[in-house]
Amino acid sequence: MTHEQETLEERAITWFMRTREPMCDQEHETFEQWLSVKEHKQAYDDVCQTWSALDACALTHKIAPLNTAVCSRRAFLYTAASLMMGIGAYGLYQHYLNTPIYARTFVSRQSETMEVTLPDGTHVSLDADTRLEVAYYTHQRETKVLQGQVMFSVISDPQKAFHVKASETLVTVVGTRFSVRNIDDIVKVAVQEGHVCVTHTTLARTFDLLPSDGLIVKNTKITPLKVTPELVGAWQNGRVAFEDATLEETLREFARYGEKRLVASDEVKNIRVTGSFDITNSGNFATALPSVIPIRYVKEGEKLLIVKR
């Protein structure tokens, strides 16, 4: 087989996998132009014939002898050319399942948020300083929260479960609204609507969460908690909410939105904070904080040291 033949076979396989999912008008036009060449159409037809045989194999979950007329030597070579030597026709089926039909990485910078609508209509909101990977396959939808926090509004599709991975925590849903936070390897899941299944992949423990349910995962420690549904993903509306958080945790959160002047002294860092604060102007937080807890500021250069009032 010549190099030109191998390239043509690989291209035919690529187009075959792509046409099994929705395409935009420009992709349709490009495909039709490519298919108008006689040699291209022959290569594409051979791949289609091989796949028809694989469909029958997949129903029985085993490799069965293929009809000689369908699995001609040339059709078999089309399959093998896209994979490794010797994998055979079933490898095309596995390769197809494991190849994303959509893959993107989204990154929001510090002090900015990002709104994204995915191809299936699922909406994701990225908080500041967040990194999210998305990969859609023919049989499932996968995302990874590598850093920061994301609010998900998942479009229901019983045929394609939606997975969110954050460190060793795996969230599985069909359709719901929930947030996943992964900062400093501490993962928090909070449900606003619907039902999610959360699995710790190392501990092999699974939790079912309903609205108002949440949990925090730190290393191998899992702590269930109750959340206020209206406050889940509050940062989408320009606010951040705290429920019995320490002052130190509160300051670390606001640093993600640009307020880095505040430093808590040892005597106040464990004071508990509950409330909702504006993040559109981080300076407002410093102004509002003394009205919420008994503290005052001592100016030290460019920093404001927080001490007891």
Protein backbone atom coordinates (compact mmCIF):
# COMPACT_ATOMS: atom_id res chain seq x y z
CA MET A 1 0.00 0.00 0.00
CA THR A 2 1.40 3.37 -0.98
CA HIS A 3 1.63 6.40 1.30
CA GLU A 4 -1.03 8.15 -0.82
CA GLN A 5 -3.42 5.22 -0.30
CA GLU A 6 -2.82 5.22 3.46
CA THR A 7 -3.50 8.96 3.64
CA LEU A 8 -6.72 8.56 1.65
CA GLU A 9 -7.89 5.72 3.90
CA GLU A 10 -7.21 7.71 7.05
CA ARG A 11 -9.08 10.69 5.62
CA ALA A 12 -12.06 8.50 4.72
CA ILE A 13 -12.21 7.13 8.25
CA THR A 14 -12.00 10.65 9.72
CA TRP A 15 -14.89 11.86 7.54
CA PHE A 16 -16.93 8.77 8.38
CA MET A 17 -16.64 9.40 12.12
CA ARG A 18 -17.35 13.11 11.69
CA THR A 19 -20.54 12.59 9.64
CA ARG A 20 -22.09 10.49 12.39
CA GLU A 21 -22.56 13.69 14.39
CA PRO A 22 -24.19 17.03 13.48
CA MET A 23 -22.09 19.22 11.17
CA CYS A 24 -22.31 22.89 10.30
CA ASP A 25 -23.11 24.03 6.73
CA GLN A 26 -19.47 24.71 5.95
CA GLU A 27 -18.46 21.20 7.04
CA HIS A 28 -21.22 19.71 4.89
CA GLU A 29 -20.00 21.65 1.89
CA THR A 30 -16.37 20.63 2.47
CA PHE A 31 -17.39 16.99 2.85
CA GLU A 32 -19.47 17.00 -0.35
CA GLN A 33 -16.59 18.51 -2.31
CA TRP A 34 -14.21 15.85 -1.00
CA LEU A 35 -16.73 13.09 -1.75
CA SER A 36 -17.21 14.27 -5.35
CA VAL A 37 -13.84 12.73 -6.27
CA LYS A 38 -14.34 9.12 -7.42
CA GLU A 39 -11.42 7.67 -5.45
CA HIS A 40 -12.58 9.47 -2.29
CA LYS A 41 -16.12 8.11 -2.60
CA GLN A 42 -14.82 4.56 -3.09
CA ALA A 43 -12.68 4.85 0.05
CA TYR A 44 -15.61 6.30 2.02
CA ASP A 45 -17.99 3.55 0.83
CA ASP A 46 -15.51 0.85 1.88
CA VAL A 47 -15.34 2.30 5.40
CA CYS A 48 -19.17 2.44 5.56
CA GLN A 49 -19.38 -1.23 4.59
CA THR A 50 -16.89 -2.19 7.28
CA TRP A 51 -18.81 -0.23 9.89
CA SER A 52 -22.08 -1.95 8.97
CA ALA A 53 -20.42 -5.25 9.77
CA LEU A 54 -19.08 -3.83 13.03
CA ASP A 55 -22.59 -2.80 14.09
CA ALA A 56 -23.58 -6.46 13.99
CA CYS A 57 -20.50 -7.36 16.03
CA ALA A 58 -21.28 -4.73 18.66
CA LEU A 59 -24.74 -6.19 19.28
CA THR A 60 -23.22 -9.45 20.48
CA HIS A 61 -20.20 -7.76 22.18
CA LYS A 62 -17.79 -10.08 20.45
CA ILE A 63 -15.88 -10.34 17.22
CA ALA A 64 -17.68 -12.56 14.71
CA PRO A 65 -16.43 -13.71 11.32
CA LEU A 66 -17.41 -11.06 8.81
CA ASN A 67 -19.01 -11.69 5.46
CA THR A 68 -16.27 -12.07 2.87
CA ALA A 69 -18.04 -9.76 0.43
CA VAL A 70 -18.21 -7.02 3.07
CA CYS A 71 -14.85 -7.53 4.73
CA SER A 72 -12.76 -7.56 1.64
CA ARG A 73 -9.04 -7.23 2.05
CA ARG A 74 -9.24 -3.63 0.96
CA ALA A 75 -11.96 -2.76 3.50
CA PHE A 76 -9.96 -4.40 6.27
CA LEU A 77 -6.93 -2.33 5.31
CA TYR A 78 -8.99 0.85 5.60
CA THR A 79 -9.64 -0.07 9.22
CA ALA A 80 -6.11 -1.07 10.04
CA ALA A 81 -4.64 2.06 8.45
CA SER A 82 -6.33 4.31 11.03
CA LEU A 83 -5.01 2.35 13.98
CA MET A 84 -2.01 0.17 14.78
CA MET A 85 -0.97 -2.78 12.69
CA GLY A 86 -2.86 -5.89 13.66
CA ILE A 87 -5.71 -4.31 15.67
CA GLY A 88 -8.25 -5.38 13.08
CA ALA A 89 -11.76 -4.19 12.29
CA TYR A 90 -12.99 -4.04 15.88
CA GLY A 91 -10.31 -1.46 16.58
CA LEU A 92 -12.15 1.03 14.36
CA TYR A 93 -15.22 0.67 16.58
CA GLN A 94 -13.17 1.31 19.73
CA HIS A 95 -11.28 4.15 18.08
CA TYR A 96 -14.55 5.78 17.13
CA LEU A 97 -15.94 5.54 20.68
CA ASN A 98 -12.76 6.96 22.19
CA THR A 99 -12.36 9.88 19.79
CA PRO A 100 -13.97 13.15 20.99
CA ILE A 101 -16.38 14.75 18.57
CA TYR A 102 -15.92 18.03 20.47
CA ALA A 103 -13.03 19.09 22.70
CA ARG A 104 -12.24 22.50 24.17
CA THR A 105 -10.41 24.01 27.13
CA PHE A 106 -11.85 27.16 28.72
CA VAL A 107 -9.81 29.44 30.98
CA SER A 108 -11.03 32.50 32.87
CA ARG A 109 -8.49 34.95 34.20
CA GLN A 110 -8.38 36.41 37.69
CA SER A 111 -11.16 38.94 38.32
CA GLU A 112 -13.20 37.77 35.30
CA THR A 113 -15.96 35.21 34.76
CA MET A 114 -16.94 33.38 31.58
CA GLU A 115 -20.26 32.10 30.18
CA VAL A 116 -20.18 29.20 27.70
CA THR A 117 -22.91 27.24 25.91
CA LEU A 118 -21.76 23.77 24.85
CA PRO A 119 -22.89 22.03 21.63
CA ASP A 120 -25.76 20.15 23.33
CA GLY A 121 -27.14 23.35 24.91
CA THR A 122 -25.60 22.74 28.33
CA HIS A 123 -24.61 26.04 29.92
CA VAL A 124 -21.50 26.44 32.06
CA SER A 125 -20.42 29.49 34.03
CA LEU A 126 -16.76 29.75 34.97
CA ASP A 127 -15.86 31.71 38.07
CA ALA A 128 -12.68 33.81 38.16
CA ASP A 129 -9.33 32.00 37.85
CA THR A 130 -10.90 28.78 36.55
CA ARG A 131 -9.76 26.14 34.05
CA LEU A 132 -12.28 23.70 32.52
CA GLU A 133 -11.69 20.91 29.99
CA VAL A 134 -14.62 19.59 27.92
CA ALA A 135 -14.71 16.46 25.74
CA TYR A 136 -17.89 15.13 24.13
CA TYR A 137 -17.99 11.56 22.81
CA THR A 138 -20.67 9.64 20.95
CA HIS A 139 -21.80 7.93 24.17
CA GLN A 140 -20.96 10.35 27.00
CA ARG A 141 -20.07 13.92 27.91
CA GLU A 142 -16.95 14.52 30.02
CA THR A 143 -15.61 17.63 31.73
CA LYS A 144 -12.75 18.30 34.14
CA VAL A 145 -12.60 21.18 36.62
CA LEU A 146 -8.82 21.54 36.89
CA GLN A 147 -8.92 24.76 38.91
CA GLY A 148 -11.55 27.14 40.26
CA GLN A 149 -15.30 26.62 40.26
CA VAL A 150 -17.96 26.06 37.63
CA MET A 151 -21.75 26.21 37.66
CA PHE A 152 -23.34 23.62 35.36
CA SER A 153 -26.84 23.72 33.86
CA VAL A 154 -26.94 20.36 32.09
CA ILE A 155 -29.32 19.55 29.23
CA SER A 156 -30.90 16.15 29.84
CA ASP A 157 -29.82 13.30 27.56
CA PRO A 158 -30.44 9.82 29.01
CA GLN A 159 -28.29 8.31 26.24
CA LYS A 160 -25.24 10.43 27.14
CA ALA A 161 -24.45 10.82 30.82
CA PHE A 162 -22.67 14.03 31.84
CA HIS A 163 -19.52 13.58 33.95
CA VAL A 164 -17.53 16.15 35.89
CA LYS A 165 -14.11 15.20 37.26
CA ALA A 166 -12.39 17.28 39.93
CA SER A 167 -9.26 15.69 41.41
CA GLU A 168 -10.43 12.29 42.74
CA THR A 169 -14.11 13.28 42.74
CA LEU A 170 -16.43 12.21 39.91
CA VAL A 171 -19.90 13.75 39.50
CA THR A 172 -22.38 11.98 37.21
CA VAL A 173 -25.69 13.54 36.10
CA VAL A 174 -28.27 13.37 33.35
CA GLY A 175 -29.78 16.85 33.69
CA THR A 176 -29.56 19.28 36.62
CA ARG A 177 -28.03 22.51 37.99
CA PHE A 178 -25.06 22.21 40.31
CA SER A 179 -21.64 23.69 41.01
CA VAL A 180 -18.23 22.04 41.31
CA ARG A 181 -15.34 23.80 43.00
CA ASN A 182 -11.73 22.59 42.92
CA ILE A 183 -9.28 24.91 44.66
CA ASP A 184 -6.09 23.76 46.41
CA ASP A 185 -7.28 20.15 45.85
CA ILE A 186 -10.33 20.76 48.04
CA VAL A 187 -13.43 19.84 46.05
CA LYS A 188 -16.92 21.09 46.86
CA VAL A 189 -20.09 19.95 45.09
CA ALA A 190 -23.40 21.77 45.69
CA VAL A 191 -26.77 20.96 44.07
CA GLN A 192 -29.31 23.62 43.18
CA GLU A 193 -31.73 21.46 41.15
CA GLY A 194 -32.08 17.81 40.22
CA HIS A 195 -29.99 14.84 41.32
CA VAL A 196 -26.29 14.08 41.01
CA CYS A 197 -24.19 11.06 41.88
CA VAL A 198 -20.77 11.79 43.37
CA THR A 199 -18.03 9.14 43.52
CA HIS A 200 -14.63 9.30 45.18
CA THR A 201 -12.56 7.26 42.75
CA THR A 202 -9.87 6.32 45.28
CA LEU A 203 -12.19 5.36 48.14
CA ALA A 204 -14.81 3.86 45.80
CA ARG A 205 -17.55 5.59 47.82
CA THR A 206 -20.67 7.04 46.18
CA PHE A 207 -23.09 9.70 47.39
CA ASP A 208 -26.48 10.70 45.97
CA LEU A 209 -27.10 14.45 46.26
CA LEU A 210 -30.45 16.21 45.91
CA PRO A 211 -31.30 19.95 46.00
CA SER A 212 -29.82 21.60 49.14
CA ASP A 213 -27.25 18.79 49.41
CA GLY A 214 -23.53 19.22 49.06
CA LEU A 215 -20.23 17.75 50.16
CA ILE A 216 -16.60 18.71 50.59
CA VAL A 217 -13.77 16.35 49.67
CA LYS A 218 -10.32 16.98 51.15
CA ASN A 219 -7.82 14.22 50.48
CA THR A 220 -9.69 11.12 51.69
CA LYS A 221 -12.04 12.97 54.06
CA ILE A 222 -15.59 13.50 52.81
CA THR A 223 -17.89 15.88 54.67
CA PRO A 224 -21.61 16.09 53.71
CA LEU A 225 -23.24 19.50 54.16
CA LYS A 226 -26.43 21.42 53.54
CA VAL A 227 -26.44 24.38 51.18
CA THR A 228 -28.91 27.14 50.35
CA PRO A 229 -29.99 26.46 46.73
CA GLU A 230 -30.41 30.17 45.98
CA LEU A 231 -26.78 30.78 46.93
CA VAL A 232 -25.31 28.01 44.76
CA GLY A 233 -23.32 29.76 42.05
CA ALA A 234 -24.07 33.20 43.50
CA TRP A 235 -20.93 34.55 41.79
CA GLN A 236 -22.83 34.36 38.48
CA ASN A 237 -24.83 37.34 39.74
CA GLY A 238 -21.78 39.26 40.90
CA ARG A 239 -21.87 38.08 44.50
CA VAL A 240 -20.05 35.55 46.65
CA ALA A 241 -21.78 33.86 49.58
CA PHE A 242 -20.23 32.46 52.77
CA GLU A 243 -21.88 30.15 55.26
CA ASP A 244 -19.94 29.86 58.51
CA ALA A 245 -16.58 30.30 56.76
CA THR A 246 -13.47 31.44 58.62
CA LEU A 247 -12.18 34.94 57.96
CA GLU A 248 -9.01 33.39 56.53
CA GLU A 249 -11.08 31.38 54.03
CA THR A 250 -13.08 34.47 53.17
CA LEU A 251 -9.98 36.54 52.43
CA ARG A 252 -8.51 33.75 50.29
CA GLU A 253 -11.71 33.70 48.25
CA PHE A 254 -11.75 37.46 47.70
CA ALA A 255 -8.12 37.38 46.61
CA ARG A 256 -9.37 35.45 43.55
CA TYR A 257 -11.39 38.53 42.58
CA GLY A 258 -8.51 40.96 43.02
CA GLU A 259 -8.74 42.04 46.69
CA LYS A 260 -5.25 41.16 47.93
CA ARG A 261 -4.63 43.99 50.40
CA LEU A 262 -6.27 42.31 53.40
CA VAL A 263 -4.25 40.15 55.81
CA ALA A 264 -5.80 38.50 58.88
CA SER A 265 -3.85 38.49 62.14
CA ASP A 266 -3.77 35.25 64.15
CA GLU A 267 -6.29 36.63 66.65
CA VAL A 268 -9.02 37.06 64.02
CA LYS A 269 -8.32 34.52 61.26
CA ASN A 270 -10.76 31.97 62.70
CA ILE A 271 -13.68 34.37 63.20
CA ARG A 272 -16.72 32.93 61.40
CA VAL A 273 -18.26 34.84 58.51
CA THR A 274 -21.76 34.38 57.04
CA GLY A 275 -23.15 36.65 54.37
CA SER A 276 -23.34 37.62 50.72
CA PHE A 277 -20.92 40.19 49.30
CA ASP A 278 -20.55 42.14 46.06
CA ILE A 279 -17.57 40.99 43.94
CA THR A 280 -18.03 43.43 41.07
CA ASN A 281 -16.05 45.95 43.13
CA SER A 282 -13.75 44.08 45.51
CA GLY A 283 -13.03 47.29 47.44
CA ASN A 284 -16.63 47.20 48.70
CA PHE A 285 -15.81 44.03 50.62
CA ALA A 286 -13.17 45.77 52.72
CA THR A 287 -15.66 48.54 53.46
CA ALA A 288 -18.48 46.16 54.42
CA LEU A 289 -16.50 43.65 56.48
CA PRO A 290 -16.25 45.68 59.75
CA SER A 291 -20.05 45.93 59.80
CA VAL A 292 -20.34 42.14 59.71
CA ILE A 293 -17.70 41.09 62.24
CA PRO A 294 -15.88 42.97 65.08
CA ILE A 295 -12.63 43.93 63.31
CA ARG A 296 -10.66 46.99 62.33
CA TYR A 297 -7.78 47.71 59.95
CA VAL A 298 -4.19 48.68 60.64
CA LYS A 299 -2.36 50.00 57.59
CA GLU A 300 1.03 48.37 56.97
CA GLY A 301 2.50 49.67 53.73
CA GLU A 302 0.19 48.56 50.93
CA LYS A 303 -1.49 45.95 53.14
CA LEU A 304 -4.34 46.26 55.62
CA LEU A 305 -3.79 44.08 58.71
CA ILE A 306 -7.06 42.95 60.26
CA VAL A 307 -7.15 42.96 64.07
CA LYS A 308 -9.85 42.76 66.75
CA ARG A 309 -11.90 45.86 67.33
